[in-house]
């Protein structure tokens, strides 16, 4: 997986509230927070990363969520462009959704990451046991990793943001 090497290699380091230019989009990580939900009697931790688009009023060839989530019609749903990584290098899948106004008009976006290792989310019975070790984790324990799906002149191939 391309992102696996990202935690250890040449990603451009960006800090929260610093502009990130990927493809046609410019955005920033505004903040991050964590919550614990109860589902089916089990507790699950979720990290939410809040993004703000700088050029959200402009028209682009695809919406921001399609750009970061990956637009793979007819394929199994996966999100190879956006991951959360802990200090051990464990990767977590994320999904970007608009804050308001829908995909075409939202300035604010949230990327949510259920803290179950990405390759194990399909086996929820086992995942609930694995999720227990992440219940006390805070956003500062993670990095947001973004693969640039539409690299343009001067843009990085990958970006890493240490969460606040």
C-alpha atoms as a PDB file:
ATOM      1  CA  UNK A   1       0.000   0.000   0.000  1.00  0.00           C
ATOM      2  CA  UNK A   2       1.366   3.403  -0.956  1.00  0.00           C
ATOM      3  CA  UNK A   3       0.434   5.057   2.327  1.00  0.00           C
ATOM      4  CA  UNK A   4       2.149   2.453   4.452  1.00  0.00           C
ATOM      5  CA  UNK A   5       5.527   3.870   3.500  1.00  0.00           C
ATOM      6  CA  UNK A   6       4.229   7.377   4.121  1.00  0.00           C
ATOM      7  CA  UNK A   7       4.639   7.146   7.873  1.00  0.00           C
ATOM      8  CA  UNK A   8       8.343   6.423   7.440  1.00  0.00           C
ATOM      9  CA  UNK A   9       9.252   8.319   4.294  1.00  0.00           C
ATOM     10  CA  UNK A  10       9.119  11.468   2.237  1.00  0.00           C
ATOM     11  CA  UNK A  11       5.843  13.105   3.142  1.00  0.00           C
ATOM     12  CA  UNK A  12       5.783  16.879   3.352  1.00  0.00           C
ATOM     13  CA  UNK A  13       5.140  17.830   6.976  1.00  0.00           C
ATOM     14  CA  UNK A  14       2.374  20.371   7.498  1.00  0.00           C
ATOM     15  CA  UNK A  15       1.064  21.834  10.757  1.00  0.00           C
ATOM     16  CA  UNK A  16      -2.593  22.464  11.599  1.00  0.00           C
ATOM     17  CA  UNK A  17      -3.968  25.695  10.083  1.00  0.00           C
ATOM     18  CA  UNK A  18      -1.263  25.681   7.393  1.00  0.00           C
ATOM     19  CA  UNK A  19      -2.506  25.727   3.800  1.00  0.00           C
ATOM     20  CA  UNK A  20      -2.348  22.396   1.973  1.00  0.00           C
ATOM     21  CA  UNK A  21      -2.548  22.492  -1.835  1.00  0.00           C
ATOM     22  CA  UNK A  22      -3.449  19.162  -3.442  1.00  0.00           C
ATOM     23  CA  UNK A  23      -4.786  18.953  -6.974  1.00  0.00           C
ATOM     24  CA  UNK A  24      -7.209  21.849  -7.504  1.00  0.00           C
ATOM     25  CA  UNK A  25      -7.978  22.163  -3.771  1.00  0.00           C
ATOM     26  CA  UNK A  26      -6.444  24.285  -1.031  1.00  0.00           C
ATOM     27  CA  UNK A  27      -7.492  23.518   2.525  1.00  0.00           C
ATOM     28  CA  UNK A  28      -6.278  23.317   6.115  1.00  0.00           C
ATOM     29  CA  UNK A  29      -6.712  21.137   9.169  1.00  0.00           C
ATOM     30  CA  UNK A  30      -8.602  23.380  11.603  1.00  0.00           C
ATOM     31  CA  UNK A  31      -8.797  21.063  14.584  1.00  0.00           C
ATOM     32  CA  UNK A  32      -9.358  17.474  15.679  1.00  0.00           C
ATOM     33  CA  UNK A  33     -11.421  15.893  18.427  1.00  0.00           C
ATOM     34  CA  UNK A  34     -12.265  12.451  19.764  1.00  0.00           C
ATOM     35  CA  UNK A  35     -15.442  10.795  20.946  1.00  0.00           C
ATOM     36  CA  UNK A  36     -16.447   7.408  22.276  1.00  0.00           C
ATOM     37  CA  UNK A  37     -19.633   5.790  20.965  1.00  0.00           C
ATOM     38  CA  UNK A  38     -21.472   2.700  22.163  1.00  0.00           C
ATOM     39  CA  UNK A  39     -22.647   0.324  19.442  1.00  0.00           C
ATOM     40  CA  UNK A  40     -24.022  -3.120  20.132  1.00  0.00           C
ATOM     41  CA  UNK A  41     -22.820  -2.920  23.726  1.00  0.00           C
ATOM     42  CA  UNK A  42     -19.203  -2.221  22.664  1.00  0.00           C
ATOM     43  CA  UNK A  43     -17.343   1.069  23.007  1.00  0.00           C
ATOM     44  CA  UNK A  44     -15.649   2.506  19.925  1.00  0.00           C
ATOM     45  CA  UNK A  45     -13.340   5.521  19.665  1.00  0.00           C
ATOM     46  CA  UNK A  46     -13.586   7.907  16.713  1.00  0.00           C
ATOM     47  CA  UNK A  47     -11.194  10.701  15.786  1.00  0.00           C
ATOM     48  CA  UNK A  48     -12.750  13.543  13.776  1.00  0.00           C
ATOM     49  CA  UNK A  49     -10.473  15.860  11.801  1.00  0.00           C
ATOM     50  CA  UNK A  50     -12.098  19.150  10.800  1.00  0.00           C
ATOM     51  CA  UNK A  51     -10.993  20.673   7.494  1.00  0.00           C
ATOM     52  CA  UNK A  52     -11.701  24.073   5.978  1.00  0.00           C
ATOM     53  CA  UNK A  53     -11.520  24.635   2.240  1.00  0.00           C
ATOM     54  CA  UNK A  54      -9.932  27.878   1.084  1.00  0.00           C
ATOM     55  CA  UNK A  55     -11.296  27.732  -2.487  1.00  0.00           C
ATOM     56  CA  UNK A  56     -14.687  26.147  -1.877  1.00  0.00           C
ATOM     57  CA  UNK A  57     -16.562  28.673  -4.017  1.00  0.00           C
ATOM     58  CA  UNK A  58     -14.626  27.703  -7.141  1.00  0.00           C
ATOM     59  CA  UNK A  59     -15.872  25.031  -9.517  1.00  0.00           C
ATOM     60  CA  UNK A  60     -13.592  22.019  -9.941  1.00  0.00           C
ATOM     61  CA  UNK A  61     -13.703  18.897 -12.084  1.00  0.00           C
ATOM     62  CA  UNK A  62     -14.750  16.813  -9.063  1.00  0.00           C
ATOM     63  CA  UNK A  63     -16.084  17.500  -5.596  1.00  0.00           C
ATOM     64  CA  UNK A  64     -13.760  17.560  -2.579  1.00  0.00           C
ATOM     65  CA  UNK A  65     -15.165  14.321  -1.151  1.00  0.00           C
ATOM     66  CA  UNK A  66     -14.722  12.460  -4.455  1.00  0.00           C
ATOM     67  CA  UNK A  67     -11.201  13.891  -4.663  1.00  0.00           C
ATOM     68  CA  UNK A  68     -10.128  12.642  -1.196  1.00  0.00           C
ATOM     69  CA  UNK A  69     -12.351   9.591  -0.786  1.00  0.00           C
ATOM     70  CA  UNK A  70     -11.529   8.254  -4.209  1.00  0.00           C
ATOM     71  CA  UNK A  71     -14.201   7.887  -6.835  1.00  0.00           C
ATOM     72  CA  UNK A  72     -14.263   4.162  -7.573  1.00  0.00           C
ATOM     73  CA  UNK A  73     -17.712   3.304  -8.946  1.00  0.00           C
ATOM     74  CA  UNK A  74     -18.461  -0.403  -9.001  1.00  0.00           C
ATOM     75  CA  UNK A  75     -15.482  -1.210  -6.769  1.00  0.00           C
ATOM     76  CA  UNK A  76     -15.385  -2.172  -3.126  1.00  0.00           C
ATOM     77  CA  UNK A  77     -15.554   1.006  -1.091  1.00  0.00           C
ATOM     78  CA  UNK A  78     -12.108   1.971   0.189  1.00  0.00           C
ATOM     79  CA  UNK A  79     -10.445   5.286   0.851  1.00  0.00           C
ATOM     80  CA  UNK A  80      -6.815   5.001  -0.165  1.00  0.00           C
ATOM     81  CA  UNK A  81      -6.075   8.739  -0.178  1.00  0.00           C
ATOM     82  CA  UNK A  82      -6.808   9.561   3.471  1.00  0.00           C
ATOM     83  CA  UNK A  83      -5.528   7.661   6.520  1.00  0.00           C
ATOM     84  CA  UNK A  84      -4.829   8.199  10.181  1.00  0.00           C
ATOM     85  CA  UNK A  85      -1.581   6.762  11.531  1.00  0.00           C
ATOM     86  CA  UNK A  86      -0.534   6.137  15.141  1.00  0.00           C
ATOM     87  CA  UNK A  87       3.051   6.092  16.465  1.00  0.00           C
ATOM     88  CA  UNK A  88       3.360   2.345  15.795  1.00  0.00           C
ATOM     89  CA  UNK A  89       2.448   2.885  12.133  1.00  0.00           C
ATOM     90  CA  UNK A  90      -1.046   1.374  12.384  1.00  0.00           C
ATOM     91  CA  UNK A  91      -3.311   2.840   9.714  1.00  0.00           C
ATOM     92  CA  UNK A  92      -6.996   3.700  10.076  1.00  0.00           C
ATOM     93  CA  UNK A  93      -9.402   4.373   7.205  1.00  0.00           C
ATOM     94  CA  UNK A  94     -11.236   7.667   7.036  1.00  0.00           C
ATOM     95  CA  UNK A  95     -14.170   9.112   5.188  1.00  0.00           C
ATOM     96  CA  UNK A  96     -14.648  12.803   4.360  1.00  0.00           C
ATOM     97  CA  UNK A  97     -18.126  14.284   4.518  1.00  0.00           C
ATOM     98  CA  UNK A  98     -19.384  17.856   4.046  1.00  0.00           C
ATOM     99  CA  UNK A  99     -20.305  19.971   7.053  1.00  0.00           C
ATOM    100  CA  UNK A 100     -23.251  21.705   5.379  1.00  0.00           C
ATOM    101  CA  UNK A 101     -24.437  22.636   1.929  1.00  0.00           C
ATOM    102  CA  UNK A 102     -23.594  19.274   0.387  1.00  0.00           C
ATOM    103  CA  UNK A 103     -20.577  18.326  -1.681  1.00  0.00           C
ATOM    104  CA  UNK A 104     -20.867  21.276  -4.049  1.00  0.00           C
ATOM    105  CA  UNK A 105     -21.186  24.089  -1.519  1.00  0.00           C
ATOM    106  CA  UNK A 106     -19.538  23.179   1.778  1.00  0.00           C
ATOM    107  CA  UNK A 107     -16.602  25.174   3.133  1.00  0.00           C
ATOM    108  CA  UNK A 108     -16.154  22.914   6.164  1.00  0.00           C
ATOM    109  CA  UNK A 109     -15.569  19.156   6.045  1.00  0.00           C
ATOM    110  CA  UNK A 110     -15.012  16.393   8.582  1.00  0.00           C
ATOM    111  CA  UNK A 111     -12.856  13.322   8.118  1.00  0.00           C
ATOM    112  CA  UNK A 112     -13.887  10.602  10.574  1.00  0.00           C
ATOM    113  CA  UNK A 113     -11.732   7.653  11.572  1.00  0.00           C
ATOM    114  CA  UNK A 114     -13.087   4.718  13.559  1.00  0.00           C
ATOM    115  CA  UNK A 115     -10.125   3.508  15.606  1.00  0.00           C
ATOM    116  CA  UNK A 116     -10.040  -0.051  14.357  1.00  0.00           C
ATOM    117  CA  UNK A 117      -7.053  -0.919  12.168  1.00  0.00           C
ATOM    118  CA  UNK A 118      -8.053  -0.503   8.508  1.00  0.00           C
ATOM    119  CA  UNK A 119      -7.317  -4.047   7.409  1.00  0.00           C
ATOM    120  CA  UNK A 120      -9.395  -5.504  10.244  1.00  0.00           C
ATOM    121  CA  UNK A 121     -12.604  -3.459  10.012  1.00  0.00           C
ATOM    122  CA  UNK A 122     -14.320  -6.164   7.961  1.00  0.00           C
ATOM    123  CA  UNK A 123     -14.281  -8.617  10.904  1.00  0.00           C
ATOM    124  CA  UNK A 124     -16.311  -6.648  13.444  1.00  0.00           C
ATOM    125  CA  UNK A 125     -16.382  -9.409  16.051  1.00  0.00           C
ATOM    126  CA  UNK A 126     -12.594  -9.338  16.246  1.00  0.00           C
ATOM    127  CA  UNK A 127     -12.512  -5.582  15.699  1.00  0.00           C
ATOM    128  CA  UNK A 128     -14.456  -4.841  18.889  1.00  0.00           C
ATOM    129  CA  UNK A 129     -11.700  -6.519  20.902  1.00  0.00           C
ATOM    130  CA  UNK A 130      -8.977  -4.656  19.001  1.00  0.00           C
ATOM    131  CA  UNK A 131     -10.822  -1.349  19.407  1.00  0.00           C
ATOM    132  CA  UNK A 132     -10.515  -1.556  23.200  1.00  0.00           C
ATOM    133  CA  UNK A 133      -6.829  -0.657  23.104  1.00  0.00           C
ATOM    134  CA  UNK A 134      -7.631   2.641  21.376  1.00  0.00           C
ATOM    135  CA  UNK A 135     -10.330   3.898  23.779  1.00  0.00           C
ATOM    136  CA  UNK A 136      -7.981   6.268  25.622  1.00  0.00           C
ATOM    137  CA  UNK A 137      -6.300   7.705  22.515  1.00  0.00           C
ATOM    138  CA  UNK A 138      -6.352  11.433  21.814  1.00  0.00           C
ATOM    139  CA  UNK A 139      -6.008  13.231  18.471  1.00  0.00           C
ATOM    140  CA  UNK A 140      -2.423  14.224  19.371  1.00  0.00           C
ATOM    141  CA  UNK A 141      -1.539  10.498  19.268  1.00  0.00           C
ATOM    142  CA  UNK A 142      -2.084  10.489  15.471  1.00  0.00           C
ATOM    143  CA  UNK A 143      -0.982  11.944  12.160  1.00  0.00           C
ATOM    144  CA  UNK A 144      -3.302  12.614   9.236  1.00  0.00           C
ATOM    145  CA  UNK A 145      -1.799  11.158   6.055  1.00  0.00           C
ATOM    146  CA  UNK A 146      -2.988  12.361   2.656  1.00  0.00           C
ATOM    147  CA  UNK A 147      -1.925  10.984  -0.707  1.00  0.00           C
ATOM    148  CA  UNK A 148      -2.237  13.569  -3.492  1.00  0.00           C
ATOM    149  CA  UNK A 149      -4.432  11.925  -6.158  1.00  0.00           C
ATOM    150  CA  UNK A 150      -3.929  14.759  -8.672  1.00  0.00           C
ATOM    151  CA  UNK A 151      -0.394  16.084  -8.272  1.00  0.00           C
ATOM    152  CA  UNK A 152       0.181  19.399  -9.997  1.00  0.00           C
ATOM    153  CA  UNK A 153       3.263  21.561 -10.480  1.00  0.00           C
ATOM    154  CA  UNK A 154       5.087  22.126  -7.210  1.00  0.00           C
ATOM    155  CA  UNK A 155       2.648  20.073  -5.124  1.00  0.00           C
ATOM    156  CA  UNK A 156       3.771  17.287  -2.818  1.00  0.00           C
ATOM    157  CA  UNK A 157       2.993  13.652  -3.527  1.00  0.00           C
ATOM    158  CA  UNK A 158       2.065  13.111   0.124  1.00  0.00           C
ATOM    159  CA  UNK A 159       1.238  15.267   3.145  1.00  0.00           C
ATOM    160  CA  UNK A 160       1.490  14.425   6.847  1.00  0.00           C
ATOM    161  CA  UNK A 161      -0.174  16.535   9.546  1.00  0.00           C
ATOM    162  CA  UNK A 162       0.500  15.970  13.259  1.00  0.00           C
ATOM    163  CA  UNK A 163      -2.892  16.418  14.893  1.00  0.00           C
ATOM    164  CA  UNK A 164      -3.224  18.917  17.745  1.00  0.00           C
END
